[in-house]
């Protein structure tokens, strides 16, 4: 994994965790914020890009970061279900549906974020490869 993808993955995972915690603390529906979390990693991946393939790196950063956030969600959900919540089987079906629906959205927003990140980098006078 190159540095731009790794940094973008970390940024996406941090945005996912921050969004989930903010959603919980604010007791508000911040779904739009959570779905756009992949853009944070994409922006960083695009900003760090020095070679072609920045959109792919942003998509990978969004998907990997979303997957990391998803694994954290599964771990917390599993702990809650074992502690007396809904059955693990139901939780497993719900989390599988979330992964199938949300992780590709993170990849898409990461790809868009990377394209924007490269344009911001170029506008700032730091040229990247085309």
Protein backbone atom coordinates (compact mmCIF):
# COMPACT_ATOMS: atom_id res chain seq x y z
CA UNK A 1 0.00 0.00 0.00
CA UNK A 2 1.53 3.33 -1.00
CA UNK A 3 1.69 6.30 1.36
CA UNK A 4 -1.20 8.18 -0.20
CA UNK A 5 -3.54 5.19 0.12
CA UNK A 6 -2.39 4.48 3.67
CA UNK A 7 -2.84 8.12 4.74
CA UNK A 8 -6.22 8.29 3.00
CA UNK A 9 -7.34 5.08 4.70
CA UNK A 10 -6.41 6.50 8.09
CA UNK A 11 -8.25 9.75 7.32
CA UNK A 12 -11.37 7.89 6.19
CA UNK A 13 -11.35 5.62 9.24
CA UNK A 14 -10.92 8.67 11.50
CA UNK A 15 -13.81 10.43 9.74
CA UNK A 16 -16.01 7.35 10.14
CA UNK A 17 -15.23 7.04 13.86
CA UNK A 18 -15.69 10.78 14.42
CA UNK A 19 -19.00 10.71 12.55
CA UNK A 20 -20.31 7.74 14.52
CA UNK A 21 -19.30 9.30 17.85
CA UNK A 22 -20.81 12.66 16.85
CA UNK A 23 -23.99 10.91 15.74
CA UNK A 24 -24.21 9.13 19.09
CA UNK A 25 -23.42 12.19 21.23
CA UNK A 26 -25.64 14.59 19.31
CA UNK A 27 -28.47 12.06 19.16
CA UNK A 28 -29.05 13.30 15.63
CA UNK A 29 -29.14 11.59 12.27
CA UNK A 30 -25.79 12.36 10.67
CA UNK A 31 -26.05 9.73 7.93
CA UNK A 32 -25.06 12.18 5.19
CA UNK A 33 -21.90 13.05 7.11
CA UNK A 34 -21.08 9.38 7.55
CA UNK A 35 -21.64 8.58 3.88
CA UNK A 36 -19.29 11.40 2.86
CA UNK A 37 -16.51 10.16 5.16
CA UNK A 38 -14.71 8.53 2.23
CA UNK A 39 -14.16 11.97 0.71
CA UNK A 40 -11.77 12.86 3.55
CA UNK A 41 -9.46 10.01 2.63
CA UNK A 42 -9.83 10.75 -1.05
CA UNK A 43 -8.91 14.41 -0.58
CA UNK A 44 -5.79 13.40 1.32
CA UNK A 45 -4.85 10.72 -1.22
CA UNK A 46 -5.32 13.19 -4.07
CA UNK A 47 -3.36 15.88 -2.27
CA UNK A 48 -0.45 13.50 -1.71
CA UNK A 49 -0.55 12.14 -5.25
CA UNK A 50 2.61 12.59 -7.29
CA UNK A 51 1.82 10.07 -9.98
CA UNK A 52 -1.15 9.00 -12.10
CA UNK A 53 -3.77 6.80 -10.50
CA UNK A 54 -4.92 9.26 -7.87
CA UNK A 55 -8.60 8.44 -8.42
CA UNK A 56 -7.90 4.74 -7.87
CA UNK A 57 -5.86 5.54 -4.76
CA UNK A 58 -8.73 7.67 -3.45
CA UNK A 59 -11.22 4.90 -4.13
CA UNK A 60 -9.00 2.39 -2.32
CA UNK A 61 -8.53 4.80 0.58
CA UNK A 62 -12.29 5.30 0.87
CA UNK A 63 -13.03 1.59 0.64
CA UNK A 64 -10.27 0.52 3.03
CA UNK A 65 -11.16 3.22 5.55
CA UNK A 66 -14.82 2.31 5.28
CA UNK A 67 -13.94 -1.34 5.81
CA UNK A 68 -11.88 -0.47 8.89
CA UNK A 69 -14.81 1.52 10.27
CA UNK A 70 -17.11 -1.37 9.40
CA UNK A 71 -14.92 -3.87 11.27
CA UNK A 72 -15.00 -1.56 14.29
CA UNK A 73 -18.78 -1.39 14.01
CA UNK A 74 -18.97 -5.19 13.89
CA UNK A 75 -16.73 -5.53 16.95
CA UNK A 76 -18.82 -3.09 18.99
CA UNK A 77 -22.08 -4.65 17.75
CA UNK A 78 -20.86 -8.14 18.56
CA UNK A 79 -19.94 -7.04 22.07
CA UNK A 80 -23.36 -5.46 22.54
CA UNK A 81 -25.21 -8.49 21.23
CA UNK A 82 -23.24 -10.86 23.42
CA UNK A 83 -24.02 -8.58 26.35
CA UNK A 84 -27.76 -9.10 25.94
CA UNK A 85 -28.71 -7.26 22.78
CA UNK A 86 -30.26 -8.72 19.62
CA UNK A 87 -29.11 -12.18 18.51
CA UNK A 88 -25.75 -12.33 16.76
CA UNK A 89 -27.32 -13.83 13.63
CA UNK A 90 -29.60 -10.82 13.17
CA UNK A 91 -26.68 -8.50 13.84
CA UNK A 92 -24.63 -10.38 11.25
CA UNK A 93 -27.28 -9.94 8.55
CA UNK A 94 -27.62 -6.24 9.36
CA UNK A 95 -23.88 -5.64 9.26
CA UNK A 96 -23.51 -7.58 6.02
CA UNK A 97 -26.17 -5.38 4.43
CA UNK A 98 -24.42 -2.28 5.73
CA UNK A 99 -21.10 -3.45 4.27
CA UNK A 100 -22.63 -4.26 0.90
CA UNK A 101 -24.33 -0.86 0.73
CA UNK A 102 -21.94 1.52 2.50
CA UNK A 103 -18.38 0.45 1.66
CA UNK A 104 -18.90 1.04 -2.10
CA UNK A 105 -20.27 4.50 -1.26
CA UNK A 106 -17.05 5.21 0.67
CA UNK A 107 -15.03 4.07 -2.35
CA UNK A 108 -17.02 6.34 -4.66
CA UNK A 109 -16.73 9.36 -2.37
CA UNK A 110 -13.00 8.60 -1.98
CA UNK A 111 -12.54 8.63 -5.75
CA UNK A 112 -14.37 11.95 -6.03
CA UNK A 113 -12.36 13.31 -3.12
CA UNK A 114 -9.09 12.29 -4.81
CA UNK A 115 -10.01 14.13 -7.99
CA UNK A 116 -10.82 17.23 -5.96
CA UNK A 117 -7.63 16.81 -3.90
CA UNK A 118 -5.47 16.76 -7.03
CA UNK A 119 -7.18 19.88 -8.35
CA UNK A 120 -6.63 21.63 -5.02
CA UNK A 121 -2.98 20.60 -5.07
CA UNK A 122 -2.56 21.94 -8.61
CA UNK A 123 -4.38 25.16 -7.72
CA UNK A 124 -1.98 25.59 -4.82
CA UNK A 125 0.95 25.47 -7.22
CA UNK A 126 2.13 21.98 -6.30
CA UNK A 127 1.97 20.17 -9.64
CA UNK A 128 1.28 16.44 -9.83
CA UNK A 129 1.79 14.00 -12.66
CA UNK A 130 -1.01 13.98 -15.20
